[in-house]
Protein backbone atom coordinates (compact mmCIF):
# COMPACT_ATOMS: atom_id res chain seq x y z
CA MET A 1 -43.17 20.62 -8.15
CA LYS A 2 -40.20 22.66 -7.62
CA LYS A 3 -40.38 22.75 -3.74
CA TYR A 4 -40.08 18.62 -3.97
CA LEU A 5 -37.31 18.82 -6.32
CA ILE A 6 -35.50 21.03 -4.02
CA ALA A 7 -36.14 18.78 -1.40
CA GLY A 8 -35.07 15.55 -2.92
CA LEU A 9 -31.44 17.18 -4.20
CA ILE A 10 -31.19 18.67 -0.49
CA ILE A 11 -31.19 15.02 0.30
CA LEU A 12 -29.21 13.63 -2.43
CA LEU A 13 -26.46 15.64 -3.04
CA PRO A 14 -24.93 15.50 0.48
CA LEU A 15 -25.32 12.07 0.48
CA ILE A 16 -23.59 11.41 -3.22
CA LEU A 17 -20.88 14.00 -2.12
CA THR A 18 -20.02 11.91 0.93
CA ILE A 19 -19.72 8.56 -1.20
CA MET A 20 -17.77 10.28 -4.14
CA ILE A 21 -15.37 11.56 -0.96
CA PHE A 22 -15.17 8.45 0.37
CA VAL A 23 -14.93 6.26 -2.40
CA PHE A 24 -11.98 9.23 -3.69
CA VAL A 25 -9.72 8.42 -0.25
CA ILE A 26 -10.78 4.79 -0.47
CA ASP A 27 -9.26 4.20 -3.63
CA LEU A 28 -6.38 6.74 -3.15
CA PHE A 29 -4.96 4.91 -0.07
CA THR A 30 -5.68 1.20 -1.27
CA ALA A 31 -5.10 1.29 -5.35
CA PRO A 32 -1.19 1.01 -5.12
CA PHE A 33 -1.69 -2.46 -2.85
CA LEU A 34 -4.75 -3.71 -4.97
CA THR A 35 -3.38 -5.86 -7.17
CA MET A 36 -1.16 -7.87 -4.65
CA PHE A 37 -3.81 -8.21 -2.05
CA ILE A 38 -6.33 -9.29 -4.84
CA ASP A 39 -3.37 -12.15 -6.04
CA PHE A 40 -2.83 -13.09 -2.02
CA LEU A 41 -6.51 -13.62 -1.58
CA SER A 42 -6.92 -15.55 -4.91
CA LYS A 43 -5.21 -18.08 -3.07
CA TYR A 44 -8.07 -18.95 -0.90
CA GLU A 45 -10.68 -18.98 -3.39
CA GLN A 46 -11.32 -23.04 -2.99
CA THR A 47 -11.26 -22.63 0.91
CA LEU A 48 -13.54 -19.41 0.76
CA THR A 49 -16.20 -19.90 -2.17
CA LEU A 50 -17.26 -15.78 -1.93
CA LEU A 51 -13.60 -14.79 -3.12
CA LYS A 52 -14.35 -16.73 -6.62
CA ASN A 53 -16.54 -13.10 -7.17
CA PRO A 54 -14.22 -10.55 -8.42
CA THR A 55 -16.57 -7.91 -6.62
CA VAL A 56 -16.04 -9.44 -3.60
CA ILE A 57 -12.74 -10.43 -3.53
CA THR A 58 -11.92 -6.62 -4.44
CA ILE A 59 -13.97 -6.03 -1.52
CA PHE A 60 -12.26 -7.62 0.78
CA ALA A 61 -8.76 -6.82 -0.71
CA ARG A 62 -9.53 -3.01 -0.09
CA ILE A 63 -11.11 -3.76 3.28
CA LEU A 64 -7.65 -5.52 4.55
CA ILE A 65 -5.82 -2.91 2.83
CA ILE A 66 -7.18 -0.29 5.21
CA ILE A 67 -7.02 -2.32 8.28
CA MET A 68 -3.26 -2.82 7.68
CA LEU A 69 -2.71 0.91 6.67
CA ILE A 70 -4.18 1.45 10.35
CA VAL A 71 -1.68 -0.93 12.18
CA PHE A 72 1.25 0.23 10.23
CA ILE A 73 0.20 3.89 11.05
CA PHE A 74 -0.37 3.42 14.59
CA VAL A 75 3.19 1.32 15.10
CA LEU A 76 4.69 3.83 13.08
CA GLY A 77 3.65 6.47 15.67
CA VAL A 78 4.86 4.86 18.28
CA ILE A 79 8.14 3.94 17.02
CA ALA A 80 8.66 7.43 16.01
CA ARG A 81 8.34 8.30 19.85
CA TRP A 82 11.19 6.64 20.58
CA PHE A 83 14.53 8.61 20.50
CA PHE A 84 16.76 5.87 18.57
CA PHE A 85 13.73 6.17 15.58
CA ARG A 86 13.41 9.73 15.35
CA SER A 87 17.23 10.01 14.36
CA LEU A 88 16.20 7.93 11.68
CA ILE A 89 13.36 9.65 10.78
CA ASN A 90 15.37 12.81 10.69
CA LEU A 91 18.03 11.08 8.54
CA MET A 92 15.11 9.93 6.17
CA ASN A 93 13.54 13.11 5.83
CA LYS A 94 17.22 14.69 4.97
CA ILE A 95 17.73 12.09 2.12
CA PHE A 96 14.24 12.76 0.73
CA SER A 97 15.16 16.68 0.83
CA LYS A 98 17.88 16.54 -1.19
CA ILE A 99 16.57 14.19 -3.86
CA PRO A 100 15.63 16.73 -6.91
CA LEU A 101 11.89 17.03 -7.65
CA VAL A 102 11.09 14.39 -4.59
CA LYS A 103 11.88 16.95 -2.38
CA THR A 104 9.45 19.84 -3.89
CA ILE A 105 6.65 17.46 -3.44
CA TYR A 106 7.93 15.65 0.05
CA THR A 107 8.79 18.79 2.27
CA SER A 108 5.35 20.65 0.60
CA LEU A 109 3.26 17.64 2.09
CA LYS A 110 5.19 17.23 4.97
CA ASP A 111 4.79 21.02 6.13
CA ILE A 112 1.31 21.19 4.90
CA ILE A 113 0.35 17.91 6.93
CA SER A 114 2.25 19.30 9.90
CA SER A 115 0.82 22.45 10.21
CA PHE A 116 -3.05 21.06 9.96
CA MET A 117 -1.79 18.46 13.05
CA LYS A 118 0.02 20.68 15.01
CA LYS A 119 -1.66 21.85 18.49
CA GLY A 120 -3.23 25.15 18.61
CA SER A 121 -2.89 25.88 15.10
CA LYS A 122 -5.12 28.52 13.66
CA ALA A 123 -6.09 27.53 10.01
CA PHE A 124 -9.58 27.53 9.01
CA THR A 125 -10.34 28.19 12.50
CA LYS A 126 -12.27 31.54 11.41
CA THR A 127 -15.31 32.19 8.86
CA ALA A 128 -14.98 35.07 6.91
CA MET A 129 -16.50 36.90 4.36
CA VAL A 130 -14.48 38.36 1.35
CA ALA A 131 -15.06 40.37 -1.82
CA PHE A 132 -14.50 37.43 -4.79
CA PRO A 133 -14.26 37.67 -7.63
CA SER A 134 -14.86 41.30 -8.25
CA LYS A 135 -15.54 43.84 -5.69
CA ASP A 136 -19.37 43.69 -5.99
CA SER A 137 -19.85 40.02 -4.74
CA TYR A 138 -18.71 38.60 -1.84
CA CYS A 139 -17.95 34.62 -0.54
CA VAL A 140 -17.93 32.77 2.55
CA GLY A 141 -14.41 31.48 3.24
CA PHE A 142 -11.80 30.70 5.80
CA GLU A 143 -8.98 32.45 7.43
CA SER A 144 -5.84 30.56 6.73
CA GLY A 145 -2.07 31.28 7.86
CA GLU A 146 0.06 33.66 6.93
CA ILE A 147 0.90 36.15 3.80
CA PRO A 148 4.28 35.23 2.34
CA GLU A 149 6.77 38.06 3.45
CA GLU A 150 7.43 38.60 -0.32
CA CYS A 151 3.87 39.16 -1.22
CA GLN A 152 2.82 41.51 1.45
CA LYS A 153 6.34 44.10 0.62
CA LYS A 154 4.79 44.49 -3.45
CA VAL A 155 1.43 46.25 -1.43
CA LYS A 156 0.88 48.94 0.87
CA GLU A 157 -2.31 47.46 2.66
CA LYS A 158 -1.77 44.69 5.03
CA LEU A 159 -3.30 41.39 3.07
CA LYS A 160 -5.18 38.16 5.21
CA PRO A 161 -4.90 34.62 3.38
CA VAL A 162 -8.57 33.39 2.96
CA PHE A 163 -9.51 29.84 1.59
CA VAL A 164 -12.63 30.51 -0.99
CA PRO A 165 -14.23 26.80 -1.11
CA THR A 166 -16.17 25.95 -4.26
CA ALA A 167 -19.86 24.54 -4.29
CA PRO A 168 -20.99 22.33 -4.12
CA HIS A 169 -17.66 20.73 -3.88
CA PRO A 170 -15.87 22.04 -1.28
CA ILE A 171 -12.58 20.27 -1.36
CA SER A 172 -11.66 22.50 -3.84
CA GLY A 173 -10.99 26.31 -3.98
CA TYR A 174 -9.47 29.33 -4.06
CA LEU A 175 -6.74 31.08 -1.86
CA VAL A 176 -7.18 34.48 -1.69
CA MET A 177 -5.06 37.43 -0.45
CA ALA A 178 -7.22 39.85 0.60
CA ILE A 179 -6.56 43.35 1.82
CA GLU A 180 -7.10 42.75 5.56
CA LYS A 181 -9.64 45.65 6.06
CA GLU A 182 -11.73 43.85 3.65
CA VAL A 183 -12.02 40.92 5.17
CA PHE A 184 -15.60 40.61 7.29
CA SER A 185 -15.04 37.88 10.09
CA ILE A 186 -18.57 36.56 10.74
CA ASP A 187 -20.29 34.77 13.88
CA MET A 188 -20.43 31.52 11.88
CA LYS A 189 -19.24 28.10 12.58
CA ASN A 190 -17.08 26.01 10.09
CA GLU A 191 -19.64 23.21 9.77
CA ASP A 192 -22.58 25.90 9.29
CA ALA A 193 -20.34 27.52 6.56
CA VAL A 194 -19.64 24.57 4.78
CA LYS A 195 -23.11 23.28 4.64
CA PHE A 196 -24.19 26.73 3.59
CA THR A 197 -21.54 26.37 0.32
CA VAL A 198 -22.24 22.61 -0.44
CA SER A 199 -26.27 23.11 -0.54
CA CYS A 200 -25.39 26.56 -2.99
CA GLY A 201 -26.95 29.04 -0.42
CA LEU A 202 -29.94 26.45 0.29
CA ILE A 203 -29.11 25.49 3.89
CA LEU A 204 -29.14 29.03 5.91
CA PRO A 205 -26.50 28.68 9.22
CA GLY A 206 -28.35 26.99 12.15
CA GLU A 207 -31.13 25.95 9.51
CA LYS A 208 -31.30 21.66 10.02
CA LEU A 209 -32.54 19.94 7.04
CA ASP A 210 -35.72 18.17 8.57
CA ASP A 211 -36.77 22.33 8.90
CA LYS A 212 -35.96 22.93 5.36
CA LEU A 213 -37.70 19.86 4.36
CA LYS A 214 -40.97 21.19 6.39
CA LYS A 215 -41.18 24.87 4.53
């Protein structure tokens, strides 16, 4: 009985988490424009009978918003490569960087996204094991970036930042500034480390779901 319950959880949990993350991302990007697009599609209710259903019209609106956003991002990327528009974008960055409160959010997000998108970025490329939340227990995490100089000056030992994701929801986590010699690099792919965390230790590195169900 217990074996079948665990097998069911192994199948269901990743599926539920994937759907939750997907729905969250879709809602995040479409919510600001949803009302406007629903009003636009409502004008065609008489032509398309499907649009008379509120659920259907909402789905159509979200799909249309996503398509428009993809096209907009693509066009914006093309424009950004033109010299004239680069100056315009730099001017916009300067304006946003001088507005109180907005500058904190805007510059922080801009720097974070740039660091992830930059070629050669070493963020989360190495899997590590670190003592957390106490010296007697260990967590799997990912080495990330550098330690701020102000933080490093406070301690004698060299520090290393490690992101420790939470289980079974790896989007959130803890940034641990651990002593470098106490951060152990491990030979584990990022994908295997995420699987191990999301499954709460049920799926081991290199192990497939089918192999787990056969046991």
